Amino acid sequence: MFREFNGLPLHVLVIHAVVVLVPLLALFAIAYGLLPRWRHRLDWAVAALAVITPAVAWVATESGEELEGILRAKGYPPDRLQQISEHAEYGDTLFWFSLGLGAAALLLVLSASRFARARNLPRWLPIVLTVAVAVLAGFALVYVYLTGDSGAKMVWDGIV
């Protein structure tokens, strides 16, 4: 299921979506928390990104594990397999941070919506969730960089 798409390893296609979606979710969710006047314009985008981004990150992780299995079966050198393992660890961590960011962003949207105001939720809840979103966004962005950098170096070092 996660092996390939149109003859290409699925992982090399999906990672591009992760590199775009995680920063978009981070930016939009932080803007949503800090700029109340923009909330009505960002709510659906933040909610959609909060659901889609972790799902795409999960597909990238699963397809990466599938690709790693293929490379092991083909007898890739141990030093390259070690690099792949380190890259996979970054990717796993990125998935968990994207999941946390998505959950916090979704809770932020729900807590700041008209529905939440009707329920009389504490006024401090969106502030706490905005801080959580900012912290999780920071970690997610760091791991997007670390994961992408380690993967790119494996593929492109010595080629260009």
C-alpha atoms as a PDB file:
ATOM      1  CA  MET A   1       0.000   0.000   0.000  1.00  0.00           C
ATOM      2  CA  PHE A   2       2.809   2.437   0.862  1.00  0.00           C
ATOM      3  CA  ARG A   3       5.347   1.061  -1.570  1.00  0.00           C
ATOM      4  CA  GLU A   4       4.960   3.056  -4.769  1.00  0.00           C
ATOM      5  CA  PHE A   5       2.788   5.287  -6.896  1.00  0.00           C
ATOM      6  CA  ASN A   6       3.055   5.347 -10.674  1.00  0.00           C
ATOM      7  CA  GLY A   7       6.301   3.396 -10.509  1.00  0.00           C
ATOM      8  CA  LEU A   8       8.010   5.764  -8.055  1.00  0.00           C
ATOM      9  CA  PRO A   9       8.576   5.134  -4.361  1.00  0.00           C
ATOM     10  CA  LEU A  10       5.626   6.761  -2.589  1.00  0.00           C
ATOM     11  CA  HIS A  11       7.949   8.179   0.061  1.00  0.00           C
ATOM     12  CA  VAL A  12       9.788  10.480  -2.347  1.00  0.00           C
ATOM     13  CA  LEU A  13       6.468  11.954  -3.464  1.00  0.00           C
ATOM     14  CA  VAL A  14       4.757  12.340  -0.086  1.00  0.00           C
ATOM     15  CA  ILE A  15       7.696  14.004   1.657  1.00  0.00           C
ATOM     16  CA  HIS A  16       7.204  17.097  -0.470  1.00  0.00           C
ATOM     17  CA  ALA A  17       3.684  17.481   0.897  1.00  0.00           C
ATOM     18  CA  VAL A  18       4.987  17.193   4.470  1.00  0.00           C
ATOM     19  CA  VAL A  19       7.622  19.862   3.841  1.00  0.00           C
ATOM     20  CA  VAL A  20       4.868  22.230   2.689  1.00  0.00           C
ATOM     21  CA  LEU A  21       2.008  21.285   5.034  1.00  0.00           C
ATOM     22  CA  VAL A  22       3.837  21.315   8.386  1.00  0.00           C
ATOM     23  CA  PRO A  23       5.099  24.913   8.001  1.00  0.00           C
ATOM     24  CA  LEU A  24       1.682  25.994   6.675  1.00  0.00           C
ATOM     25  CA  LEU A  25      -0.077  24.470   9.669  1.00  0.00           C
ATOM     26  CA  ALA A  26       2.456  26.061  12.025  1.00  0.00           C
ATOM     27  CA  LEU A  27       2.071  29.498  10.441  1.00  0.00           C
ATOM     28  CA  PHE A  28      -1.713  29.446  10.135  1.00  0.00           C
ATOM     29  CA  ALA A  29      -2.297  28.020  13.626  1.00  0.00           C
ATOM     30  CA  ILE A  30      -0.012  30.604  15.259  1.00  0.00           C
ATOM     31  CA  ALA A  31      -1.695  33.382  13.259  1.00  0.00           C
ATOM     32  CA  TYR A  32      -5.084  32.036  14.311  1.00  0.00           C
ATOM     33  CA  GLY A  33      -4.093  32.194  17.964  1.00  0.00           C
ATOM     34  CA  LEU A  34      -2.399  35.591  17.863  1.00  0.00           C
ATOM     35  CA  LEU A  35      -4.689  37.471  15.481  1.00  0.00           C
ATOM     36  CA  PRO A  36      -8.312  37.163  16.639  1.00  0.00           C
ATOM     37  CA  ARG A  37      -9.527  39.415  13.803  1.00  0.00           C
ATOM     38  CA  TRP A  38      -8.309  36.842  11.266  1.00  0.00           C
ATOM     39  CA  ARG A  39      -9.903  33.838  12.934  1.00  0.00           C
ATOM     40  CA  HIS A  40     -13.017  33.850  10.778  1.00  0.00           C
ATOM     41  CA  ARG A  41     -10.787  33.684   7.680  1.00  0.00           C
ATOM     42  CA  LEU A  42      -8.396  31.048   8.991  1.00  0.00           C
ATOM     43  CA  ASP A  43     -10.665  28.671  10.904  1.00  0.00           C
ATOM     44  CA  TRP A  44     -11.434  26.217   8.091  1.00  0.00           C
ATOM     45  CA  ALA A  45      -7.868  26.291   6.774  1.00  0.00           C
ATOM     46  CA  VAL A  46      -6.428  25.610  10.228  1.00  0.00           C
ATOM     47  CA  ALA A  47      -8.960  22.850  10.899  1.00  0.00           C
ATOM     48  CA  ALA A  48      -8.293  21.188   7.536  1.00  0.00           C
ATOM     49  CA  LEU A  49      -4.514  21.445   7.920  1.00  0.00           C
ATOM     50  CA  ALA A  50      -4.771  20.122  11.494  1.00  0.00           C
ATOM     51  CA  VAL A  51      -6.349  16.926  10.176  1.00  0.00           C
ATOM     52  CA  ILE A  52      -4.525  16.529   6.850  1.00  0.00           C
ATOM     53  CA  THR A  53      -0.965  17.329   7.969  1.00  0.00           C
ATOM     54  CA  PRO A  54      -0.547  14.535  10.549  1.00  0.00           C
ATOM     55  CA  ALA A  55      -2.195  12.083   8.141  1.00  0.00           C
ATOM     56  CA  VAL A  56       0.273  12.972   5.389  1.00  0.00           C
ATOM     57  CA  ALA A  57       3.172  12.829   7.871  1.00  0.00           C
ATOM     58  CA  TRP A  58       2.020   9.343   8.867  1.00  0.00           C
ATOM     59  CA  VAL A  59       1.926   8.228   5.215  1.00  0.00           C
ATOM     60  CA  ALA A  60       5.448   9.637   4.775  1.00  0.00           C
ATOM     61  CA  THR A  61       6.638   7.663   7.808  1.00  0.00           C
ATOM     62  CA  GLU A  62       4.989   4.419   6.707  1.00  0.00           C
ATOM     63  CA  SER A  63       6.175   4.752   3.111  1.00  0.00           C
ATOM     64  CA  GLY A  64       9.669   5.552   4.384  1.00  0.00           C
ATOM     65  CA  GLU A  65       9.696   2.338   6.409  1.00  0.00           C
ATOM     66  CA  GLU A  66       8.573   0.466   3.315  1.00  0.00           C
ATOM     67  CA  LEU A  67      11.382   2.044   1.272  1.00  0.00           C
ATOM     68  CA  GLU A  68      13.904   1.238   4.007  1.00  0.00           C
ATOM     69  CA  GLY A  69      12.825  -2.416   3.865  1.00  0.00           C
ATOM     70  CA  ILE A  70      13.333  -2.462   0.097  1.00  0.00           C
ATOM     71  CA  LEU A  71      16.809  -0.946   0.423  1.00  0.00           C
ATOM     72  CA  ARG A  72      17.777  -3.443   3.160  1.00  0.00           C
ATOM     73  CA  ALA A  73      16.592  -6.320   0.968  1.00  0.00           C
ATOM     74  CA  LYS A  74      18.708  -4.987  -1.902  1.00  0.00           C
ATOM     75  CA  GLY A  75      21.792  -5.105   0.318  1.00  0.00           C
ATOM     76  CA  TYR A  76      22.511  -1.420   0.790  1.00  0.00           C
ATOM     77  CA  PRO A  77      25.801  -0.770   2.632  1.00  0.00           C
ATOM     78  CA  PRO A  78      25.614  -0.655   6.455  1.00  0.00           C
ATOM     79  CA  ASP A  79      26.765   2.988   6.623  1.00  0.00           C
ATOM     80  CA  ARG A  80      23.917   4.047   4.316  1.00  0.00           C
ATOM     81  CA  LEU A  81      21.428   1.966   6.301  1.00  0.00           C
ATOM     82  CA  GLN A  82      22.621   3.714   9.465  1.00  0.00           C
ATOM     83  CA  GLN A  83      21.941   7.084   7.820  1.00  0.00           C
ATOM     84  CA  ILE A  84      18.502   5.858   6.817  1.00  0.00           C
ATOM     85  CA  SER A  85      17.801   4.766  10.406  1.00  0.00           C
ATOM     86  CA  GLU A  86      18.789   8.192  11.746  1.00  0.00           C
ATOM     87  CA  HIS A  87      16.607   9.860   9.112  1.00  0.00           C
ATOM     88  CA  ALA A  88      13.722   7.549  10.078  1.00  0.00           C
ATOM     89  CA  GLU A  89      14.078   8.526  13.745  1.00  0.00           C
ATOM     90  CA  TYR A  90      13.780  12.192  12.793  1.00  0.00           C
ATOM     91  CA  GLY A  91      10.755  11.357  10.658  1.00  0.00           C
ATOM     92  CA  ASP A  92       9.074   9.442  13.483  1.00  0.00           C
ATOM     93  CA  THR A  93       9.604  12.367  15.846  1.00  0.00           C
ATOM     94  CA  LEU A  94       8.275  14.766  13.212  1.00  0.00           C
ATOM     95  CA  PHE A  95       5.111  12.684  12.904  1.00  0.00           C
ATOM     96  CA  TRP A  96       4.441  12.904  16.649  1.00  0.00           C
ATOM     97  CA  PHE A  97       5.060  16.654  16.729  1.00  0.00           C
ATOM     98  CA  SER A  98       2.797  17.159  13.703  1.00  0.00           C
ATOM     99  CA  LEU A  99       0.111  15.093  15.423  1.00  0.00           C
ATOM    100  CA  GLY A 100       0.425  17.149  18.609  1.00  0.00           C
ATOM    101  CA  LEU A 101       0.407  20.380  16.626  1.00  0.00           C
ATOM    102  CA  GLY A 102      -2.652  19.257  14.692  1.00  0.00           C
ATOM    103  CA  ALA A 103      -4.510  18.307  17.878  1.00  0.00           C
ATOM    104  CA  ALA A 104      -3.599  21.565  19.637  1.00  0.00           C
ATOM    105  CA  ALA A 105      -4.563  23.616  16.567  1.00  0.00           C
ATOM    106  CA  LEU A 106      -7.905  21.843  16.285  1.00  0.00           C
ATOM    107  CA  LEU A 107      -8.597  22.397  19.990  1.00  0.00           C
ATOM    108  CA  LEU A 108      -7.642  26.049  19.555  1.00  0.00           C
ATOM    109  CA  VAL A 109     -10.119  26.478  16.708  1.00  0.00           C
ATOM    110  CA  LEU A 110     -12.831  24.747  18.718  1.00  0.00           C
ATOM    111  CA  SER A 111     -12.104  26.754  21.878  1.00  0.00           C
ATOM    112  CA  ALA A 112     -12.162  30.100  20.074  1.00  0.00           C
ATOM    113  CA  SER A 113     -15.246  29.443  17.966  1.00  0.00           C
ATOM    114  CA  ARG A 114     -18.729  30.843  18.468  1.00  0.00           C
ATOM    115  CA  PHE A 115     -19.786  27.406  19.680  1.00  0.00           C
ATOM    116  CA  ALA A 116     -17.222  27.574  22.496  1.00  0.00           C
ATOM    117  CA  ARG A 117     -18.325  31.060  23.513  1.00  0.00           C
ATOM    118  CA  ALA A 118     -21.883  29.754  23.820  1.00  0.00           C
ATOM    119  CA  ARG A 119     -20.605  26.990  26.110  1.00  0.00           C
ATOM    120  CA  ASN A 120     -18.855  29.471  28.421  1.00  0.00           C
ATOM    121  CA  LEU A 121     -15.404  27.898  28.225  1.00  0.00           C
ATOM    122  CA  PRO A 122     -12.698  29.666  30.238  1.00  0.00           C
ATOM    123  CA  ARG A 123     -11.330  32.761  28.465  1.00  0.00           C
ATOM    124  CA  TRP A 124      -7.758  31.654  29.218  1.00  0.00           C
ATOM    125  CA  LEU A 125      -8.125  28.395  27.262  1.00  0.00           C
ATOM    126  CA  PRO A 126      -7.343  29.893  23.804  1.00  0.00           C
ATOM    127  CA  ILE A 127      -4.284  31.628  25.307  1.00  0.00           C
ATOM    128  CA  VAL A 128      -2.943  28.369  26.746  1.00  0.00           C
ATOM    129  CA  LEU A 129      -3.658  26.575  23.478  1.00  0.00           C
ATOM    130  CA  THR A 130      -1.921  29.321  21.482  1.00  0.00           C
ATOM    131  CA  VAL A 131       1.196  28.853  23.617  1.00  0.00           C
ATOM    132  CA  ALA A 132       0.978  25.076  23.114  1.00  0.00           C
ATOM    133  CA  VAL A 133       0.567  25.579  19.361  1.00  0.00           C
ATOM    134  CA  ALA A 134       3.595  27.899  19.234  1.00  0.00           C
ATOM    135  CA  VAL A 135       5.804  25.456  21.164  1.00  0.00           C
ATOM    136  CA  LEU A 136       4.686  22.438  19.128  1.00  0.00           C
ATOM    137  CA  ALA A 137       5.060  24.439  15.903  1.00  0.00           C
ATOM    138  CA  GLY A 138       8.635  25.286  16.845  1.00  0.00           C
ATOM    139  CA  PHE A 139       9.515  21.645  17.446  1.00  0.00           C
ATOM    140  CA  ALA A 140       7.697  20.512  14.303  1.00  0.00           C
ATOM    141  CA  LEU A 141       9.586  23.056  12.194  1.00  0.00           C
ATOM    142  CA  VAL A 142      12.922  21.982  13.669  1.00  0.00           C
ATOM    143  CA  TYR A 143      12.139  18.356  12.854  1.00  0.00           C
ATOM    144  CA  VAL A 144      10.975  19.212   9.328  1.00  0.00           C
ATOM    145  CA  TYR A 145      14.411  20.727   8.839  1.00  0.00           C
ATOM    146  CA  LEU A 146      16.330  17.865  10.487  1.00  0.00           C
ATOM    147  CA  THR A 147      14.377  15.180   8.651  1.00  0.00           C
ATOM    148  CA  GLY A 148      14.544  16.906   5.288  1.00  0.00           C
ATOM    149  CA  ASP A 149      18.206  17.805   5.654  1.00  0.00           C
ATOM    150  CA  SER A 150      19.246  14.271   6.586  1.00  0.00           C
ATOM    151  CA  GLY A 151      17.218  12.797   3.726  1.00  0.00           C
ATOM    152  CA  ALA A 152      18.518  15.282   1.173  1.00  0.00           C
ATOM    153  CA  LYS A 153      22.127  14.722   2.238  1.00  0.00           C
ATOM    154  CA  MET A 154      21.719  10.963   1.833  1.00  0.00           C
ATOM    155  CA  VAL A 155      20.379  11.364  -1.679  1.00  0.00           C
ATOM    156  CA  TRP A 156      22.329  14.326  -3.018  1.00  0.00           C
ATOM    157  CA  ASP A 157      25.743  14.397  -1.272  1.00  0.00           C
ATOM    158  CA  GLY A 158      28.439  13.923  -3.874  1.00  0.00           C
ATOM    159  CA  ILE A 159      26.031  14.220  -6.794  1.00  0.00           C
ATOM    160  CA  VAL A 160      25.763  17.984  -7.202  1.00  0.00           C
END
